[in-house]
Amino acid sequence: MHIIIKRTKTIEEYKELHTRIESLAIKVFNNHKKAFGEWKEGNVKKVWLDNDKTLCIEYQSGNWWHYNEQGEWW
């Protein structure tokens, strides 16, 4: 999983954000995957926050989704 983090001011802020994003990405990936009988998107390829600080995950298929804190995707 490649996590992209921009605009942090300190290494501590970076580390905290990295941990939070990684944890949330794993959680929402597992929930999204469970919603399908057969998951065809592959594993997580890249994770980032968009300009609105919404979590985005790209999968090995090249498809990506936005996720909120509740694990809902669009």
PDB file of N, CA and C in Angstrom:
ATOM      1  N   MET A   1       0.852  -1.168   0.000  1.00  0.00           N
ATOM      2  CA  MET A   1       0.000   0.000   0.000  1.00  0.00           C
ATOM      3  C   MET A   1       0.900   1.234   0.000  1.00  0.00           C
ATOM      4  N   HIS A   2       0.728   2.059  -1.007  1.00  0.00           N
ATOM      5  CA  HIS A   2       1.491   3.299  -1.126  1.00  0.00           C
ATOM      6  C   HIS A   2       0.614   4.433  -0.604  1.00  0.00           C
ATOM      7  N   ILE A   3       1.043   5.078   0.476  1.00  0.00           N
ATOM      8  CA  ILE A   3       0.274   6.168   1.085  1.00  0.00           C
ATOM      9  C   ILE A   3       0.941   7.493   0.742  1.00  0.00           C
ATOM     10  N   ILE A   4       0.170   8.373   0.135  1.00  0.00           N
ATOM     11  CA  ILE A   4       0.674   9.687  -0.256  1.00  0.00           C
ATOM     12  C   ILE A   4       0.174  10.713   0.754  1.00  0.00           C
ATOM     13  N   ILE A   5       1.101  11.437   1.353  1.00  0.00           N
ATOM     14  CA  ILE A   5       0.751  12.464   2.337  1.00  0.00           C
ATOM     15  C   ILE A   5       1.450  13.758   1.945  1.00  0.00           C
ATOM     16  N   LYS A   6       0.657  14.814   1.854  1.00  0.00           N
ATOM     17  CA  LYS A   6       1.195  16.133   1.513  1.00  0.00           C
ATOM     18  C   LYS A   6       0.791  17.137   2.583  1.00  0.00           C
ATOM     19  N   ARG A   7       1.507  18.223   2.633  1.00  0.00           N
ATOM     20  CA  ARG A   7       1.164  19.381   3.455  1.00  0.00           C
ATOM     21  C   ARG A   7       1.183  19.124   4.960  1.00  0.00           C
ATOM     22  N   THR A   8       2.145  18.371   5.443  1.00  0.00           N
ATOM     23  CA  THR A   8       2.323  18.271   6.896  1.00  0.00           C
ATOM     24  C   THR A   8       3.485  19.169   7.285  1.00  0.00           C
ATOM     25  N   LYS A   9       3.433  19.706   8.478  1.00  0.00           N
ATOM     26  CA  LYS A   9       4.440  20.675   8.910  1.00  0.00           C
ATOM     27  C   LYS A   9       5.561  20.047   9.720  1.00  0.00           C
ATOM     28  N   THR A  10       5.276  18.917  10.368  1.00  0.00           N
ATOM     29  CA  THR A  10       6.299  18.272  11.187  1.00  0.00           C
ATOM     30  C   THR A  10       6.310  16.774  10.898  1.00  0.00           C
ATOM     31  N   ILE A  11       7.392  16.123  11.280  1.00  0.00           N
ATOM     32  CA  ILE A  11       7.475  14.675  11.110  1.00  0.00           C
ATOM     33  C   ILE A  11       6.462  13.980  12.015  1.00  0.00           C
ATOM     34  N   GLU A  12       6.202  14.547  13.185  1.00  0.00           N
ATOM     35  CA  GLU A  12       5.213  13.973  14.089  1.00  0.00           C
ATOM     36  C   GLU A  12       3.821  14.020  13.461  1.00  0.00           C
ATOM     37  N   GLU A  13       3.491  15.151  12.848  1.00  0.00           N
ATOM     38  CA  GLU A  13       2.204  15.280  12.167  1.00  0.00           C
ATOM     39  C   GLU A  13       2.111  14.275  11.023  1.00  0.00           C
ATOM     40  N   TYR A  14       3.194  14.122  10.280  1.00  0.00           N
ATOM     41  CA  TYR A  14       3.236  13.156   9.177  1.00  0.00           C
ATOM     42  C   TYR A  14       2.987  11.738   9.701  1.00  0.00           C
ATOM     43  N   LYS A  15       3.698  11.360  10.745  1.00  0.00           N
ATOM     44  CA  LYS A  15       3.571  10.003  11.289  1.00  0.00           C
ATOM     45  C   LYS A  15       2.160   9.733  11.801  1.00  0.00           C
ATOM     46  N   GLU A  16       1.591  10.700  12.503  1.00  0.00           N
ATOM     47  CA  GLU A  16       0.232  10.548  13.024  1.00  0.00           C
ATOM     48  C   GLU A  16      -0.776  10.400  11.886  1.00  0.00           C
ATOM     49  N   LEU A  17      -0.659  11.239  10.886  1.00  0.00           N
ATOM     50  CA  LEU A  17      -1.561  11.180   9.743  1.00  0.00           C
ATOM     51  C   LEU A  17      -1.381   9.872   8.975  1.00  0.00           C
ATOM     52  N   HIS A  18      -0.153   9.440   8.802  1.00  0.00           N
ATOM     53  CA  HIS A  18       0.131   8.179   8.107  1.00  0.00           C
ATOM     54  C   HIS A  18      -0.544   7.017   8.827  1.00  0.00           C
ATOM     55  N   THR A  19      -0.397   6.962  10.137  1.00  0.00           N
ATOM     56  CA  THR A  19      -1.011   5.887  10.930  1.00  0.00           C
ATOM     57  C   THR A  19      -2.525   5.919  10.817  1.00  0.00           C
ATOM     58  N   ARG A  20      -3.109   7.119  10.918  1.00  0.00           N
ATOM     59  CA  ARG A  20      -4.569   7.261  10.833  1.00  0.00           C
ATOM     60  C   ARG A  20      -5.092   6.857   9.462  1.00  0.00           C
ATOM     61  N   ILE A  21      -4.406   7.307   8.401  1.00  0.00           N
ATOM     62  CA  ILE A  21      -4.837   6.987   7.034  1.00  0.00           C
ATOM     63  C   ILE A  21      -4.702   5.490   6.769  1.00  0.00           C
ATOM     64  N   GLU A  22      -3.594   4.906   7.192  1.00  0.00           N
ATOM     65  CA  GLU A  22      -3.382   3.479   6.968  1.00  0.00           C
ATOM     66  C   GLU A  22      -4.453   2.648   7.669  1.00  0.00           C
ATOM     67  N   SER A  23      -4.752   2.980   8.908  1.00  0.00           N
ATOM     68  CA  SER A  23      -5.768   2.261   9.670  1.00  0.00           C
ATOM     69  C   SER A  23      -7.148   2.390   9.027  1.00  0.00           C
ATOM     70  N   LEU A  24      -7.513   3.602   8.644  1.00  0.00           N
ATOM     71  CA  LEU A  24      -8.812   3.827   8.011  1.00  0.00           C
ATOM     72  C   LEU A  24      -8.886   3.133   6.653  1.00  0.00           C
ATOM     73  N   ALA A  25      -7.811   3.167   5.892  1.00  0.00           N
ATOM     74  CA  ALA A  25      -7.794   2.520   4.573  1.00  0.00           C
ATOM     75  C   ALA A  25      -8.024   1.016   4.698  1.00  0.00           C
ATOM     76  N   ILE A  26      -7.390   0.391   5.665  1.00  0.00           N
ATOM     77  CA  ILE A  26      -7.581  -1.048   5.867  1.00  0.00           C
ATOM     78  C   ILE A  26      -9.021  -1.338   6.256  1.00  0.00           C
ATOM     79  N   LYS A  27      -9.564  -0.529   7.161  1.00  0.00           N
ATOM     80  CA  LYS A  27     -10.944  -0.711   7.616  1.00  0.00           C
ATOM     81  C   LYS A  27     -11.944  -0.590   6.466  1.00  0.00           C
ATOM     82  N   VAL A  28     -11.846   0.500   5.698  1.00  0.00           N
ATOM     83  CA  VAL A  28     -12.836   0.715   4.631  1.00  0.00           C
ATOM     84  C   VAL A  28     -12.639  -0.259   3.478  1.00  0.00           C
ATOM     85  N   PHE A  29     -11.401  -0.662   3.208  1.00  0.00           N
ATOM     86  CA  PHE A  29     -11.148  -1.678   2.176  1.00  0.00           C
ATOM     87  C   PHE A  29     -11.836  -2.984   2.552  1.00  0.00           C
ATOM     88  N   ASN A  30     -11.673  -3.417   3.788  1.00  0.00           N
ATOM     89  CA  ASN A  30     -12.293  -4.671   4.219  1.00  0.00           C
ATOM     90  C   ASN A  30     -13.809  -4.601   4.151  1.00  0.00           C
ATOM     91  N   ASN A  31     -14.396  -3.458   4.553  1.00  0.00           N
ATOM     92  CA  ASN A  31     -15.852  -3.290   4.470  1.00  0.00           C
ATOM     93  C   ASN A  31     -16.332  -3.288   3.026  1.00  0.00           C
ATOM     94  N   HIS A  32     -15.623  -2.594   2.158  1.00  0.00           N
ATOM     95  CA  HIS A  32     -15.999  -2.514   0.746  1.00  0.00           C
ATOM     96  C   HIS A  32     -15.919  -3.907   0.109  1.00  0.00           C
ATOM     97  N   LYS A  33     -14.841  -4.605   0.390  1.00  0.00           N
ATOM     98  CA  LYS A  33     -14.623  -5.950  -0.157  1.00  0.00           C
ATOM     99  C   LYS A  33     -15.721  -6.918   0.293  1.00  0.00           C
ATOM    100  N   LYS A  34     -16.143  -6.829   1.553  1.00  0.00           N
ATOM    101  CA  LYS A  34     -17.190  -7.711   2.088  1.00  0.00           C
ATOM    102  C   LYS A  34     -18.538  -7.488   1.408  1.00  0.00           C
ATOM    103  N   ALA A  35     -18.756  -6.291   0.875  1.00  0.00           N
ATOM    104  CA  ALA A  35     -20.038  -5.956   0.258  1.00  0.00           C
ATOM    105  C   ALA A  35     -20.241  -6.669  -1.083  1.00  0.00           C
ATOM    106  N   PHE A  36     -19.185  -7.289  -1.601  1.00  0.00           N
ATOM    107  CA  PHE A  36     -19.260  -7.958  -2.889  1.00  0.00           C
ATOM    108  C   PHE A  36     -19.042  -9.453  -2.716  1.00  0.00           C
ATOM    109  N   GLY A  37     -19.751 -10.267  -3.505  1.00  0.00           N
ATOM    110  CA  GLY A  37     -19.547 -11.709  -3.459  1.00  0.00           C
ATOM    111  C   GLY A  37     -18.159 -12.077  -3.946  1.00  0.00           C
ATOM    112  N   GLU A  38     -17.743 -11.402  -4.983  1.00  0.00           N
ATOM    113  CA  GLU A  38     -16.415 -11.634  -5.550  1.00  0.00           C
ATOM    114  C   GLU A  38     -15.767 -10.280  -5.809  1.00  0.00           C
ATOM    115  N   TRP A  39     -14.702  -9.983  -5.102  1.00  0.00           N
ATOM    116  CA  TRP A  39     -13.997  -8.708  -5.226  1.00  0.00           C
ATOM    117  C   TRP A  39     -13.015  -8.807  -6.389  1.00  0.00           C
ATOM    118  N   LYS A  40     -13.213  -7.996  -7.414  1.00  0.00           N
ATOM    119  CA  LYS A  40     -12.380  -8.063  -8.620  1.00  0.00           C
ATOM    120  C   LYS A  40     -11.395  -6.911  -8.743  1.00  0.00           C
ATOM    121  N   GLU A  41     -11.362  -6.031  -7.764  1.00  0.00           N
ATOM    122  CA  GLU A  41     -10.526  -4.828  -7.866  1.00  0.00           C
ATOM    123  C   GLU A  41      -9.075  -5.057  -7.441  1.00  0.00           C
ATOM    124  N   GLY A  42      -8.802  -6.139  -6.749  1.00  0.00           N
ATOM    125  CA  GLY A  42      -7.448  -6.405  -6.275  1.00  0.00           C
ATOM    126  C   GLY A  42      -7.180  -5.705  -4.960  1.00  0.00           C
ATOM    127  N   ASN A  43      -5.934  -5.708  -4.560  1.00  0.00           N
ATOM    128  CA  ASN A  43      -5.536  -5.088  -3.302  1.00  0.00           C
ATOM    129  C   ASN A  43      -5.365  -3.577  -3.463  1.00  0.00           C
ATOM    130  N   VAL A  44      -5.186  -2.928  -2.342  1.00  0.00           N
ATOM    131  CA  VAL A  44      -4.962  -1.486  -2.334  1.00  0.00           C
ATOM    132  C   VAL A  44      -3.623  -1.185  -2.997  1.00  0.00           C
ATOM    133  N   LYS A  45      -3.651  -0.262  -3.937  1.00  0.00           N
ATOM    134  CA  LYS A  45      -2.436   0.165  -4.623  1.00  0.00           C
ATOM    135  C   LYS A  45      -1.927   1.490  -4.053  1.00  0.00           C
ATOM    136  N   LYS A  46      -2.843   2.462  -3.913  1.00  0.00           N
ATOM    137  CA  LYS A  46      -2.450   3.811  -3.502  1.00  0.00           C
ATOM    138  C   LYS A  46      -3.546   4.431  -2.648  1.00  0.00           C
ATOM    139  N   VAL A  47      -3.142   5.191  -1.646  1.00  0.00           N
ATOM    140  CA  VAL A  47      -4.073   5.867  -0.734  1.00  0.00           C
ATOM    141  C   VAL A  47      -3.652   7.324  -0.619  1.00  0.00           C
ATOM    142  N   TRP A  48      -4.629   8.242  -0.638  1.00  0.00           N
ATOM    143  CA  TRP A  48      -4.329   9.662  -0.476  1.00  0.00           C
ATOM    144  C   TRP A  48      -5.556  10.395   0.025  1.00  0.00           C
ATOM    145  N   LEU A  49      -5.353  11.622   0.461  1.00  0.00           N
ATOM    146  CA  LEU A  49      -6.447  12.521   0.809  1.00  0.00           C
ATOM    147  C   LEU A  49      -6.596  13.527  -0.319  1.00  0.00           C
ATOM    148  N   ASP A  50      -7.833  13.732  -0.787  1.00  0.00           N
ATOM    149  CA  ASP A  50      -8.038  14.713  -1.850  1.00  0.00           C
ATOM    150  C   ASP A  50      -8.016  16.124  -1.255  1.00  0.00           C
ATOM    151  N   ASN A  51      -8.305  17.120  -2.058  1.00  0.00           N
ATOM    152  CA  ASN A  51      -8.255  18.513  -1.607  1.00  0.00           C
ATOM    153  C   ASN A  51      -9.233  18.823  -0.471  1.00  0.00           C
ATOM    154  N   ASP A  52     -10.305  18.025  -0.374  1.00  0.00           N
ATOM    155  CA  ASP A  52     -11.286  18.191   0.704  1.00  0.00           C
ATOM    156  C   ASP A  52     -10.954  17.311   1.911  1.00  0.00           C
ATOM    157  N   LYS A  53      -9.775  16.681   1.877  1.00  0.00           N
ATOM    158  CA  LYS A  53      -9.313  15.773   2.935  1.00  0.00           C
ATOM    159  C   LYS A  53     -10.170  14.525   3.045  1.00  0.00           C
ATOM    160  N   THR A  54     -10.750  14.103   1.920  1.00  0.00           N
ATOM    161  CA  THR A  54     -11.517  12.866   1.843  1.00  0.00           C
ATOM    162  C   THR A  54     -10.566  11.747   1.441  1.00  0.00           C
ATOM    163  N   LEU A  55     -10.669  10.613   2.118  1.00  0.00           N
ATOM    164  CA  LEU A  55      -9.820   9.472   1.827  1.00  0.00           C
ATOM    165  C   LEU A  55     -10.155   8.904   0.458  1.00  0.00           C
ATOM    166  N   CYS A  56      -9.133   8.653  -0.356  1.00  0.00           N
ATOM    167  CA  CYS A  56      -9.296   8.040  -1.661  1.00  0.00           C
ATOM    168  C   CYS A  56      -8.398   6.808  -1.719  1.00  0.00           C
ATOM    169  N   ILE A  57      -8.923   5.736  -2.303  1.00  0.00           N
ATOM    170  CA  ILE A  57      -8.146   4.511  -2.444  1.00  0.00           C
ATOM    171  C   ILE A  57      -8.224   4.047  -3.886  1.00  0.00           C
ATOM    172  N   GLU A  58      -7.050   3.797  -4.466  1.00  0.00           N
ATOM    173  CA  GLU A  58      -6.951   3.196  -5.793  1.00  0.00           C
ATOM    174  C   GLU A  58      -6.543   1.742  -5.611  1.00  0.00           C
ATOM    175  N   TYR A  59      -7.180   0.881  -6.385  1.00  0.00           N
ATOM    176  CA  TYR A  59      -6.903  -0.554  -6.310  1.00  0.00           C
ATOM    177  C   TYR A  59      -6.063  -1.004  -7.501  1.00  0.00           C
ATOM    178  N   GLN A  60      -5.595  -2.233  -7.453  1.00  0.00           N
ATOM    179  CA  GLN A  60      -4.752  -2.768  -8.508  1.00  0.00           C
ATOM    180  C   GLN A  60      -5.433  -2.735  -9.874  1.00  0.00           C
ATOM    181  N   SER A  61      -6.751  -2.733  -9.897  1.00  0.00           N
ATOM    182  CA  SER A  61      -7.509  -2.662 -11.144  1.00  0.00           C
ATOM    183  C   SER A  61      -7.387  -1.298 -11.814  1.00  0.00           C
ATOM    184  N   GLY A  62      -6.965  -0.282 -11.044  1.00  0.00           N
ATOM    185  CA  GLY A  62      -6.926   1.090 -11.550  1.00  0.00           C
ATOM    186  C   GLY A  62      -8.146   1.892 -11.141  1.00  0.00           C
ATOM    187  N   ASN A  63      -9.187   1.229 -10.663  1.00  0.00           N
ATOM    188  CA  ASN A  63     -10.383   1.920 -10.175  1.00  0.00           C
ATOM    189  C   ASN A  63     -10.122   2.469  -8.783  1.00  0.00           C
ATOM    190  N   TRP A  64     -10.780   3.581  -8.478  1.00  0.00           N
ATOM    191  CA  TRP A  64     -10.619   4.177  -7.157  1.00  0.00           C
ATOM    192  C   TRP A  64     -11.926   4.770  -6.684  1.00  0.00           C
ATOM    193  N   TRP A  65     -12.030   4.912  -5.345  1.00  0.00           N
ATOM    194  CA  TRP A  65     -13.226   5.442  -4.704  1.00  0.00           C
ATOM    195  C   TRP A  65     -12.849   6.423  -3.612  1.00  0.00           C
ATOM    196  N   HIS A  66     -13.815   7.280  -3.280  1.00  0.00           N
ATOM    197  CA  HIS A  66     -13.743   8.137  -2.097  1.00  0.00           C
ATOM    198  C   HIS A  66     -14.382   7.353  -0.951  1.00  0.00           C
ATOM    199  N   TYR A  67     -13.907   7.603   0.269  1.00  0.00           N
ATOM    200  CA  TYR A  67     -14.475   6.964   1.463  1.00  0.00           C
ATOM    201  C   TYR A  67     -14.620   7.994   2.577  1.00  0.00           C
ATOM    202  N   ASN A  68     -15.713   7.858   3.341  1.00  0.00           N
ATOM    203  CA  ASN A  68     -15.843   8.707   4.523  1.00  0.00           C
ATOM    204  C   ASN A  68     -15.442   7.907   5.765  1.00  0.00           C
ATOM    205  N   GLU A  69     -15.495   8.550   6.923  1.00  0.00           N
ATOM    206  CA  GLU A  69     -15.076   7.906   8.179  1.00  0.00           C
ATOM    207  C   GLU A  69     -15.951   6.706   8.545  1.00  0.00           C
ATOM    208  N   GLN A  70     -17.179   6.671   8.052  1.00  0.00           N
ATOM    209  CA  GLN A  70     -18.086   5.560   8.316  1.00  0.00           C
ATOM    210  C   GLN A  70     -17.865   4.384   7.363  1.00  0.00           C
ATOM    211  N   GLY A  71     -16.961   4.556   6.405  1.00  0.00           N
ATOM    212  CA  GLY A  71     -16.657   3.481   5.461  1.00  0.00           C
ATOM    213  C   GLY A  71     -17.553   3.469   4.227  1.00  0.00           C
ATOM    214  N   GLU A  72     -18.370   4.498   4.064  1.00  0.00           N
ATOM    215  CA  GLU A  72     -19.208   4.592   2.871  1.00  0.00           C
ATOM    216  C   GLU A  72     -18.359   5.061   1.700  1.00  0.00           C
ATOM    217  N   TRP A  73     -18.655   4.561   0.521  1.00  0.00           N
ATOM    218  CA  TRP A  73     -17.864   4.906  -0.651  1.00  0.00           C
ATOM    219  C   TRP A  73     -18.734   5.468  -1.766  1.00  0.00           C
ATOM    220  N   TRP A  74     -18.080   6.216  -2.636  1.00  0.00           N
ATOM    221  CA  TRP A  74     -18.721   6.765  -3.834  1.00  0.00           C
ATOM    222  C   TRP A  74     -17.681   7.025  -4.879  1.00  0.00           C
TER     223      TRP A  74
END
